[in-house]
Amino acid sequence: MNRRRTPRSASAEDVLNTLQHLTARARQEVGLHQARVELAQALQRKMLPATLPVFPGLRTAARYAPARDGLDIGGDWYDGFLLPGGALALAVGDVQGHDVEAAAFMGQIRIAMRAFASTAKDPGEVMTRTNDLILSMDSALFATCSFFRIDPVSREVESARAGHVACVWATADGRSGITADAGGLPLGIAPRQHYPVTRRTLAEDGALVLLTDGVIEGPSLPIGDGLERVRGLLSSHVGDTAEELADRLLEAAVCTGHEDDAAVLVLRHEALPPRDPS
């Protein structure tokens, strides 16, 4: 007759050893995870600009909020810098992912765009050359981006868009809108991409807002509704400073319950002074 062996009950010592082993493993995993978070935080702090350029009649401000998971890491970025000819360059973008790789990839794109912008003829060429570089890196990641070049004297603006969300504008005379300009595929998707350039002039008193989809999209907020919400908010407070507008727009995104990273870049522009007839 086969007799089944009765399982031995675990002793208190066995249970204690098992708990100690699981605790040690958990601490190790938490430590590794925390190290990755701290590395990503350091990368992101170093990659985002500490200050943004200002000109007479032009003021810029930017804000960033991490995803709702509480980890201050991600691939959203903004940038503002001076070009060799004296123009102002503004960029905002969103890299796929929320980890150390996304933060590092974001930094590579930002540095590449700065380098290409110093010699490219227009923002479309900046996008094309950045796209080619990303593809040569053989990365599995991709990014959306908008890039603007502004002449601080004439206020002429050239812009290009790579799969990114539209920008929003408003003027002090009560007009406002959403500029879904023609664009190309996100960066890093396909070679030999052409990115159309849109040209406009910022002659009136008003504001232009570049943002990422974390600002305008939430669990119960479609992108279209989010853009309209930003347009209404911007129109109602267009007289605020660039800093106040950036704070207001990011606070609205947080109150919406955003689950993605959120970046806002505001350009506040005064009306062009009248030309001297002489």
C-alpha atoms as a PDB file:
ATOM      1  CA  MET A   1       0.000   0.000   0.000  1.00  0.00           C
ATOM      2  CA  ASN A   2       1.318   3.428  -0.976  1.00  0.00           C
ATOM      3  CA  ARG A   3       1.054   5.932   1.730  1.00  0.00           C
ATOM      4  CA  ARG A   4       1.095   9.659   0.965  1.00  0.00           C
ATOM      5  CA  ARG A   5       3.563  11.548   3.015  1.00  0.00           C
ATOM      6  CA  THR A   6       2.003  14.284   5.094  1.00  0.00           C
ATOM      7  CA  PRO A   7       3.630  17.611   4.238  1.00  0.00           C
ATOM      8  CA  ARG A   8       5.842  18.886   6.987  1.00  0.00           C
ATOM      9  CA  SER A   9       4.563  22.008   8.602  1.00  0.00           C
ATOM     10  CA  ALA A  10       6.935  24.926   8.277  1.00  0.00           C
ATOM     11  CA  SER A  11       8.641  25.790  11.489  1.00  0.00           C
ATOM     12  CA  ALA A  12       8.887  29.308  12.806  1.00  0.00           C
ATOM     13  CA  GLU A  13      12.557  29.299  11.806  1.00  0.00           C
ATOM     14  CA  ASP A  14      11.685  28.322   8.208  1.00  0.00           C
ATOM     15  CA  VAL A  15       9.144  31.123   7.953  1.00  0.00           C
ATOM     16  CA  LEU A  16      11.617  33.634   9.368  1.00  0.00           C
ATOM     17  CA  ASN A  17      14.331  32.601   6.913  1.00  0.00           C
ATOM     18  CA  THR A  18      11.919  32.886   3.987  1.00  0.00           C
ATOM     19  CA  LEU A  19      10.791  36.337   5.083  1.00  0.00           C
ATOM     20  CA  GLN A  20      14.392  37.494   5.485  1.00  0.00           C
ATOM     21  CA  HIS A  21      15.224  36.245   1.997  1.00  0.00           C
ATOM     22  CA  LEU A  22      12.196  37.977   0.434  1.00  0.00           C
ATOM     23  CA  THR A  23      12.940  41.181   2.330  1.00  0.00           C
ATOM     24  CA  ALA A  24      16.539  41.210   1.123  1.00  0.00           C
ATOM     25  CA  ARG A  25      15.404  40.687  -2.473  1.00  0.00           C
ATOM     26  CA  ALA A  26      12.816  43.437  -2.196  1.00  0.00           C
ATOM     27  CA  ARG A  27      15.358  45.868  -0.767  1.00  0.00           C
ATOM     28  CA  GLN A  28      17.761  45.068  -3.574  1.00  0.00           C
ATOM     29  CA  GLU A  29      15.096  45.617  -6.242  1.00  0.00           C
ATOM     30  CA  VAL A  30      13.943  48.855  -4.629  1.00  0.00           C
ATOM     31  CA  GLY A  31      17.538  50.040  -4.460  1.00  0.00           C
ATOM     32  CA  LEU A  32      18.117  49.316  -8.144  1.00  0.00           C
ATOM     33  CA  HIS A  33      14.858  50.997  -9.095  1.00  0.00           C
ATOM     34  CA  GLN A  34      15.658  54.048  -6.973  1.00  0.00           C
ATOM     35  CA  ALA A  35      19.102  54.268  -8.561  1.00  0.00           C
ATOM     36  CA  ARG A  36      17.536  54.302 -12.026  1.00  0.00           C
ATOM     37  CA  VAL A  37      15.064  56.991 -10.965  1.00  0.00           C
ATOM     38  CA  GLU A  38      17.828  59.166  -9.505  1.00  0.00           C
ATOM     39  CA  LEU A  39      19.912  58.723 -12.652  1.00  0.00           C
ATOM     40  CA  ALA A  40      16.977  59.723 -14.848  1.00  0.00           C
ATOM     41  CA  GLN A  41      16.262  62.722 -12.622  1.00  0.00           C
ATOM     42  CA  ALA A  42      19.868  63.873 -12.910  1.00  0.00           C
ATOM     43  CA  LEU A  43      19.820  63.405 -16.672  1.00  0.00           C
ATOM     44  CA  GLN A  44      16.624  65.372 -17.070  1.00  0.00           C
ATOM     45  CA  ARG A  45      17.772  68.226 -14.823  1.00  0.00           C
ATOM     46  CA  LYS A  46      20.971  68.558 -16.834  1.00  0.00           C
ATOM     47  CA  MET A  47      19.239  68.328 -20.209  1.00  0.00           C
ATOM     48  CA  LEU A  48      16.531  70.945 -19.623  1.00  0.00           C
ATOM     49  CA  PRO A  49      17.800  74.545 -19.870  1.00  0.00           C
ATOM     50  CA  ALA A  50      18.200  76.458 -16.623  1.00  0.00           C
ATOM     51  CA  THR A  51      17.296  79.773 -18.293  1.00  0.00           C
ATOM     52  CA  LEU A  52      15.632  80.917 -21.499  1.00  0.00           C
ATOM     53  CA  PRO A  53      16.596  83.878 -23.721  1.00  0.00           C
ATOM     54  CA  VAL A  54      14.762  87.215 -23.537  1.00  0.00           C
ATOM     55  CA  PHE A  55      14.558  90.117 -25.980  1.00  0.00           C
ATOM     56  CA  PRO A  56      12.915  93.534 -25.872  1.00  0.00           C
ATOM     57  CA  GLY A  57       9.231  92.825 -26.378  1.00  0.00           C
ATOM     58  CA  LEU A  58       9.709  89.048 -26.168  1.00  0.00           C
ATOM     59  CA  ARG A  59       9.587  86.949 -22.996  1.00  0.00           C
ATOM     60  CA  THR A  60       9.734  83.174 -22.642  1.00  0.00           C
ATOM     61  CA  ALA A  61       8.865  80.819 -19.784  1.00  0.00           C
ATOM     62  CA  ALA A  62       8.665  77.035 -19.495  1.00  0.00           C
ATOM     63  CA  ARG A  63       7.340  74.495 -17.035  1.00  0.00           C
ATOM     64  CA  TYR A  64       7.561  70.707 -16.717  1.00  0.00           C
ATOM     65  CA  ALA A  65       5.576  68.191 -14.635  1.00  0.00           C
ATOM     66  CA  PRO A  66       6.366  64.451 -14.417  1.00  0.00           C
ATOM     67  CA  ALA A  67       3.903  61.679 -15.108  1.00  0.00           C
ATOM     68  CA  ARG A  68       1.400  60.831 -12.381  1.00  0.00           C
ATOM     69  CA  ASP A  69       3.321  57.740 -11.311  1.00  0.00           C
ATOM     70  CA  GLY A  70       5.433  60.092  -9.228  1.00  0.00           C
ATOM     71  CA  LEU A  71       8.707  59.341 -10.959  1.00  0.00           C
ATOM     72  CA  ASP A  72      10.343  62.556 -12.098  1.00  0.00           C
ATOM     73  CA  ILE A  73      11.558  60.928 -15.311  1.00  0.00           C
ATOM     74  CA  GLY A  74      10.409  61.015 -18.875  1.00  0.00           C
ATOM     75  CA  GLY A  75      11.056  62.076 -22.421  1.00  0.00           C
ATOM     76  CA  ASP A  76       9.273  65.434 -22.644  1.00  0.00           C
ATOM     77  CA  TRP A  77      11.537  68.402 -23.155  1.00  0.00           C
ATOM     78  CA  TYR A  78      11.644  72.068 -24.053  1.00  0.00           C
ATOM     79  CA  ASP A  79      14.497  74.277 -25.205  1.00  0.00           C
ATOM     80  CA  GLY A  80      15.224  77.890 -26.012  1.00  0.00           C
ATOM     81  CA  PHE A  81      18.524  79.267 -27.259  1.00  0.00           C
ATOM     82  CA  LEU A  82      20.150  81.926 -29.437  1.00  0.00           C
ATOM     83  CA  LEU A  83      21.239  81.156 -32.988  1.00  0.00           C
ATOM     84  CA  PRO A  84      24.456  82.555 -34.505  1.00  0.00           C
ATOM     85  CA  GLY A  85      22.579  85.208 -36.513  1.00  0.00           C
ATOM     86  CA  GLY A  86      20.782  86.493 -33.410  1.00  0.00           C
ATOM     87  CA  ALA A  87      17.479  84.676 -33.910  1.00  0.00           C
ATOM     88  CA  LEU A  88      15.641  82.910 -31.102  1.00  0.00           C
ATOM     89  CA  ALA A  89      15.126  79.148 -31.375  1.00  0.00           C
ATOM     90  CA  LEU A  90      12.359  77.410 -29.419  1.00  0.00           C
ATOM     91  CA  ALA A  91      11.638  73.700 -29.358  1.00  0.00           C
ATOM     92  CA  VAL A  92       9.348  71.321 -27.512  1.00  0.00           C
ATOM     93  CA  GLY A  93       9.156  67.561 -27.898  1.00  0.00           C
ATOM     94  CA  ASP A  94       8.114  64.210 -26.520  1.00  0.00           C
ATOM     95  CA  VAL A  95      10.165  60.996 -26.598  1.00  0.00           C
ATOM     96  CA  GLN A  96       8.398  57.650 -26.396  1.00  0.00           C
ATOM     97  CA  GLY A  97       8.814  56.109 -22.937  1.00  0.00           C
ATOM     98  CA  HIS A  98       9.278  57.104 -19.296  1.00  0.00           C
ATOM     99  CA  ASP A  99      12.619  55.759 -18.146  1.00  0.00           C
ATOM    100  CA  VAL A 100      16.357  56.341 -18.158  1.00  0.00           C
ATOM    101  CA  GLU A 101      16.609  55.464 -21.861  1.00  0.00           C
ATOM    102  CA  ALA A 102      13.903  58.002 -22.743  1.00  0.00           C
ATOM    103  CA  ALA A 103      15.623  60.728 -20.722  1.00  0.00           C
ATOM    104  CA  ALA A 104      18.997  59.994 -22.336  1.00  0.00           C
ATOM    105  CA  PHE A 105      17.454  59.847 -25.816  1.00  0.00           C
ATOM    106  CA  MET A 106      15.764  63.186 -25.169  1.00  0.00           C
ATOM    107  CA  GLY A 107      19.145  64.700 -24.350  1.00  0.00           C
ATOM    108  CA  GLN A 108      20.679  63.384 -27.554  1.00  0.00           C
ATOM    109  CA  ILE A 109      17.880  64.886 -29.651  1.00  0.00           C
ATOM    110  CA  ARG A 110      18.106  68.237 -27.906  1.00  0.00           C
ATOM    111  CA  ILE A 111      21.868  68.468 -28.438  1.00  0.00           C
ATOM    112  CA  ALA A 112      21.566  67.381 -32.083  1.00  0.00           C
ATOM    113  CA  MET A 113      18.901  69.990 -32.816  1.00  0.00           C
ATOM    114  CA  ARG A 114      21.011  72.718 -31.265  1.00  0.00           C
ATOM    115  CA  ALA A 115      23.958  71.732 -33.426  1.00  0.00           C
ATOM    116  CA  PHE A 116      21.977  71.458 -36.667  1.00  0.00           C
ATOM    117  CA  ALA A 117      20.047  74.689 -36.024  1.00  0.00           C
ATOM    118  CA  SER A 118      23.262  76.717 -36.075  1.00  0.00           C
ATOM    119  CA  THR A 119      23.845  75.919 -39.768  1.00  0.00           C
ATOM    120  CA  ALA A 120      20.475  74.798 -41.193  1.00  0.00           C
ATOM    121  CA  LYS A 121      18.635  77.163 -43.529  1.00  0.00           C
ATOM    122  CA  ASP A 122      15.269  76.678 -41.808  1.00  0.00           C
ATOM    123  CA  PRO A 123      13.462  74.546 -39.168  1.00  0.00           C
ATOM    124  CA  GLY A 124      12.470  71.993 -41.810  1.00  0.00           C
ATOM    125  CA  GLU A 125      16.115  71.203 -42.459  1.00  0.00           C
ATOM    126  CA  VAL A 126      16.746  70.984 -38.703  1.00  0.00           C
ATOM    127  CA  MET A 127      14.062  68.298 -38.499  1.00  0.00           C
ATOM    128  CA  THR A 128      15.318  66.385 -41.536  1.00  0.00           C
ATOM    129  CA  ARG A 129      18.908  66.271 -40.312  1.00  0.00           C
ATOM    130  CA  THR A 130      17.853  65.311 -36.785  1.00  0.00           C
ATOM    131  CA  ASN A 131      15.649  62.546 -38.168  1.00  0.00           C
ATOM    132  CA  ASP A 132      18.543  61.168 -40.235  1.00  0.00           C
ATOM    133  CA  LEU A 133      20.825  61.187 -37.206  1.00  0.00           C
ATOM    134  CA  ILE A 134      18.295  59.359 -35.029  1.00  0.00           C
ATOM    135  CA  LEU A 135      17.839  56.664 -37.654  1.00  0.00           C
ATOM    136  CA  SER A 136      21.617  56.207 -37.923  1.00  0.00           C
ATOM    137  CA  MET A 137      21.694  55.480 -34.170  1.00  0.00           C
ATOM    138  CA  ASP A 138      19.502  52.400 -34.740  1.00  0.00           C
ATOM    139  CA  SER A 139      17.367  53.154 -31.689  1.00  0.00           C
ATOM    140  CA  ALA A 140      13.947  51.650 -31.085  1.00  0.00           C
ATOM    141  CA  LEU A 141      12.701  54.976 -29.708  1.00  0.00           C
ATOM    142  CA  PHE A 142      11.107  57.837 -31.630  1.00  0.00           C
ATOM    143  CA  ALA A 143      10.087  61.399 -30.808  1.00  0.00           C
ATOM    144  CA  THR A 144       7.628  64.097 -31.800  1.00  0.00           C
ATOM    145  CA  CYS A 145       8.798  67.690 -31.923  1.00  0.00           C
ATOM    146  CA  SER A 146       8.010  71.278 -32.917  1.00  0.00           C
ATOM    147  CA  PHE A 147      10.806  73.724 -33.738  1.00  0.00           C
ATOM    148  CA  PHE A 148      10.446  77.517 -34.093  1.00  0.00           C
ATOM    149  CA  ARG A 149      12.906  80.162 -35.260  1.00  0.00           C
ATOM    150  CA  ILE A 150      11.949  83.773 -34.451  1.00  0.00           C
ATOM    151  CA  ASP A 151      13.607  86.965 -35.685  1.00  0.00           C
ATOM    152  CA  PRO A 152      13.445  89.244 -32.603  1.00  0.00           C
ATOM    153  CA  VAL A 153      13.472  92.414 -34.722  1.00  0.00           C
ATOM    154  CA  SER A 154      11.000  91.654 -37.515  1.00  0.00           C
ATOM    155  CA  ARG A 155       9.070  89.045 -35.440  1.00  0.00           C
ATOM    156  CA  GLU A 156       9.040  86.755 -38.466  1.00  0.00           C
ATOM    157  CA  VAL A 157       8.550  83.138 -37.389  1.00  0.00           C
ATOM    158  CA  GLU A 158       9.519  79.939 -39.197  1.00  0.00           C
ATOM    159  CA  SER A 159       8.338  76.629 -37.773  1.00  0.00           C
ATOM    160  CA  ALA A 160       8.291  72.909 -38.562  1.00  0.00           C
ATOM    161  CA  ARG A 161       6.482  70.024 -36.919  1.00  0.00           C
ATOM    162  CA  ALA A 162       7.336  66.312 -36.654  1.00  0.00           C
ATOM    163  CA  GLY A 163       4.200  64.458 -35.583  1.00  0.00           C
ATOM    164  CA  HIS A 164       3.731  66.813 -32.636  1.00  0.00           C
ATOM    165  CA  VAL A 165       0.559  68.352 -31.216  1.00  0.00           C
ATOM    166  CA  ALA A 166      -0.530  71.771 -32.463  1.00  0.00           C
ATOM    167  CA  CYS A 167       0.466  75.016 -30.774  1.00  0.00           C
ATOM    168  CA  VAL A 168      -2.009  77.544 -29.400  1.00  0.00           C
ATOM    169  CA  TRP A 169      -2.057  81.329 -29.775  1.00  0.00           C
ATOM    170  CA  ALA A 170      -4.025  84.332 -28.595  1.00  0.00           C
ATOM    171  CA  THR A 171      -3.810  88.103 -29.087  1.00  0.00           C
ATOM    172  CA  ALA A 172      -4.837  90.943 -26.818  1.00  0.00           C
ATOM    173  CA  ASP A 173      -7.541  92.069 -29.282  1.00  0.00           C
ATOM    174  CA  GLY A 174      -9.563  88.916 -28.513  1.00  0.00           C
ATOM    175  CA  ARG A 175      -8.504  86.590 -31.315  1.00  0.00           C
ATOM    176  CA  SER A 176      -7.168  83.086 -30.631  1.00  0.00           C
ATOM    177  CA  GLY A 177      -6.663  79.784 -32.363  1.00  0.00           C
ATOM    178  CA  ILE A 178      -4.990  76.387 -32.690  1.00  0.00           C
ATOM    179  CA  THR A 179      -2.306  76.111 -35.371  1.00  0.00           C
ATOM    180  CA  ALA A 180      -2.235  72.590 -36.741  1.00  0.00           C
ATOM    181  CA  ASP A 181       0.376  73.415 -39.380  1.00  0.00           C
ATOM    182  CA  ALA A 182       1.421  70.852 -41.966  1.00  0.00           C
ATOM    183  CA  GLY A 183       4.139  68.527 -40.716  1.00  0.00           C
ATOM    184  CA  GLY A 184       5.929  65.229 -41.183  1.00  0.00           C
ATOM    185  CA  LEU A 185       6.287  61.920 -39.368  1.00  0.00           C
ATOM    186  CA  PRO A 186       7.780  61.748 -35.869  1.00  0.00           C
ATOM    187  CA  LEU A 187      11.562  61.719 -35.717  1.00  0.00           C
ATOM    188  CA  GLY A 188      13.110  58.269 -35.982  1.00  0.00           C
ATOM    189  CA  ILE A 189      10.327  56.558 -37.942  1.00  0.00           C
ATOM    190  CA  ALA A 190      11.369  56.629 -41.600  1.00  0.00           C
ATOM    191  CA  PRO A 191      14.271  58.020 -43.694  1.00  0.00           C
ATOM    192  CA  ARG A 192      14.209  60.834 -46.281  1.00  0.00           C
ATOM    193  CA  GLN A 193      11.466  62.791 -44.573  1.00  0.00           C
ATOM    194  CA  HIS A 194      10.458  66.291 -45.640  1.00  0.00           C
ATOM    195  CA  TYR A 195       9.162  68.716 -43.016  1.00  0.00           C
ATOM    196  CA  PRO A 196       7.212  71.691 -44.409  1.00  0.00           C
ATOM    197  CA  VAL A 197       8.031  75.135 -43.023  1.00  0.00           C
ATOM    198  CA  THR A 198       5.238  77.497 -41.943  1.00  0.00           C
ATOM    199  CA  ARG A 199       5.881  81.238 -41.832  1.00  0.00           C
ATOM    200  CA  ARG A 200       4.010  83.875 -39.845  1.00  0.00           C
ATOM    201  CA  THR A 201       4.638  87.229 -38.138  1.00  0.00           C
ATOM    202  CA  LEU A 202       3.999  88.033 -34.478  1.00  0.00           C
ATOM    203  CA  ALA A 203       3.065  91.682 -34.984  1.00  0.00           C
ATOM    204  CA  GLU A 204       0.333  92.017 -32.319  1.00  0.00           C
ATOM    205  CA  ASP A 205       0.410  91.891 -28.541  1.00  0.00           C
ATOM    206  CA  GLY A 206      -0.243  88.287 -27.548  1.00  0.00           C
ATOM    207  CA  ALA A 207       1.168  84.869 -26.690  1.00  0.00           C
ATOM    208  CA  LEU A 208       2.176  81.656 -28.416  1.00  0.00           C
ATOM    209  CA  VAL A 209       2.205  78.359 -26.502  1.00  0.00           C
ATOM    210  CA  LEU A 210       4.129  75.208 -27.420  1.00  0.00           C
ATOM    211  CA  LEU A 211       3.203  72.129 -25.390  1.00  0.00           C
ATOM    212  CA  THR A 212       3.225  68.354 -25.163  1.00  0.00           C
ATOM    213  CA  ASP A 213       0.195  66.078 -25.132  1.00  0.00           C
ATOM    214  CA  GLY A 214       0.440  65.577 -21.362  1.00  0.00           C
ATOM    215  CA  VAL A 215      -0.888  69.137 -21.013  1.00  0.00           C
ATOM    216  CA  ILE A 216      -3.990  68.556 -23.119  1.00  0.00           C
ATOM    217  CA  GLU A 217      -4.848  64.889 -22.690  1.00  0.00           C
ATOM    218  CA  GLY A 218      -6.137  63.052 -19.631  1.00  0.00           C
ATOM    219  CA  PRO A 219      -8.182  59.988 -18.648  1.00  0.00           C
ATOM    220  CA  SER A 220     -11.425  61.728 -19.650  1.00  0.00           C
ATOM    221  CA  LEU A 221     -10.048  64.561 -21.787  1.00  0.00           C
ATOM    222  CA  PRO A 222      -9.508  63.975 -25.534  1.00  0.00           C
ATOM    223  CA  ILE A 223      -6.708  65.947 -27.207  1.00  0.00           C
ATOM    224  CA  GLY A 224      -9.136  68.111 -29.192  1.00  0.00           C
ATOM    225  CA  ASP A 225     -11.011  69.132 -26.053  1.00  0.00           C
ATOM    226  CA  GLY A 226      -7.728  69.730 -24.255  1.00  0.00           C
ATOM    227  CA  LEU A 227      -6.457  72.042 -26.993  1.00  0.00           C
ATOM    228  CA  GLU A 228      -9.700  73.993 -26.889  1.00  0.00           C
ATOM    229  CA  ARG A 229      -9.388  74.242 -23.109  1.00  0.00           C
ATOM    230  CA  VAL A 230      -5.882  75.694 -23.434  1.00  0.00           C
ATOM    231  CA  ARG A 231      -7.058  78.102 -26.126  1.00  0.00           C
ATOM    232  CA  GLY A 232      -9.838  79.413 -23.892  1.00  0.00           C
ATOM    233  CA  LEU A 233      -7.545  79.727 -20.893  1.00  0.00           C
ATOM    234  CA  LEU A 234      -4.863  81.505 -22.900  1.00  0.00           C
ATOM    235  CA  SER A 235      -7.376  83.875 -24.460  1.00  0.00           C
ATOM    236  CA  SER A 236      -8.802  84.790 -21.054  1.00  0.00           C
ATOM    237  CA  HIS A 237      -5.381  85.510 -19.541  1.00  0.00           C
ATOM    238  CA  VAL A 238      -3.343  86.696 -22.520  1.00  0.00           C
ATOM    239  CA  GLY A 239      -2.392  89.858 -20.626  1.00  0.00           C
ATOM    240  CA  ASP A 240      -0.491  87.829 -18.007  1.00  0.00           C
ATOM    241  CA  THR A 241       3.276  87.565 -18.042  1.00  0.00           C
ATOM    242  CA  ALA A 242       4.972  84.571 -19.661  1.00  0.00           C
ATOM    243  CA  GLU A 243       5.748  83.161 -16.213  1.00  0.00           C
ATOM    244  CA  GLU A 244       2.146  83.529 -15.054  1.00  0.00           C
ATOM    245  CA  LEU A 245       0.798  81.906 -18.208  1.00  0.00           C
ATOM    246  CA  ALA A 246       3.189  78.961 -17.906  1.00  0.00           C
ATOM    247  CA  ASP A 247       2.175  78.424 -14.273  1.00  0.00           C
ATOM    248  CA  ARG A 248      -1.521  78.709 -15.087  1.00  0.00           C
ATOM    249  CA  LEU A 249      -1.394  76.271 -18.013  1.00  0.00           C
ATOM    250  CA  LEU A 250       0.599  73.651 -16.147  1.00  0.00           C
ATOM    251  CA  GLU A 251      -1.638  73.924 -13.087  1.00  0.00           C
ATOM    252  CA  ALA A 252      -4.662  73.341 -15.324  1.00  0.00           C
ATOM    253  CA  ALA A 253      -3.001  70.206 -16.728  1.00  0.00           C
ATOM    254  CA  VAL A 254      -2.282  68.853 -13.252  1.00  0.00           C
ATOM    255  CA  CYS A 255      -5.860  69.522 -12.142  1.00  0.00           C
ATOM    256  CA  THR A 256      -7.086  67.572 -15.171  1.00  0.00           C
ATOM    257  CA  GLY A 257      -5.336  64.497 -13.800  1.00  0.00           C
ATOM    258  CA  HIS A 258      -2.687  64.128 -16.507  1.00  0.00           C
ATOM    259  CA  GLU A 259      -1.045  60.717 -16.628  1.00  0.00           C
ATOM    260  CA  ASP A 260       1.800  61.616 -18.981  1.00  0.00           C
ATOM    261  CA  ASP A 261       4.701  64.030 -18.692  1.00  0.00           C
ATOM    262  CA  ALA A 262       3.675  67.610 -19.403  1.00  0.00           C
ATOM    263  CA  ALA A 263       5.807  70.434 -20.799  1.00  0.00           C
ATOM    264  CA  VAL A 264       4.738  74.006 -21.554  1.00  0.00           C
ATOM    265  CA  LEU A 265       6.773  76.667 -23.375  1.00  0.00           C
ATOM    266  CA  VAL A 266       5.249  80.169 -23.556  1.00  0.00           C
ATOM    267  CA  LEU A 267       6.371  83.014 -25.814  1.00  0.00           C
ATOM    268  CA  ARG A 268       4.813  86.312 -24.716  1.00  0.00           C
ATOM    269  CA  HIS A 269       5.189  88.983 -27.424  1.00  0.00           C
ATOM    270  CA  GLU A 270       4.369  92.669 -27.285  1.00  0.00           C
ATOM    271  CA  ALA A 271       3.099  94.548 -30.322  1.00  0.00           C
ATOM    272  CA  LEU A 272       5.726  95.583 -32.831  1.00  0.00           C
ATOM    273  CA  PRO A 273       6.674  99.240 -32.406  1.00  0.00           C
ATOM    274  CA  PRO A 274       5.588 101.504 -35.280  1.00  0.00           C
ATOM    275  CA  ARG A 275       8.136 101.900 -38.014  1.00  0.00           C
ATOM    276  CA  ASP A 276      10.077 105.146 -38.226  1.00  0.00           C
ATOM    277  CA  PRO A 277       8.893 106.787 -41.466  1.00  0.00           C
ATOM    278  CA  SER A 278      12.281 108.357 -41.901  1.00  0.00           C
END
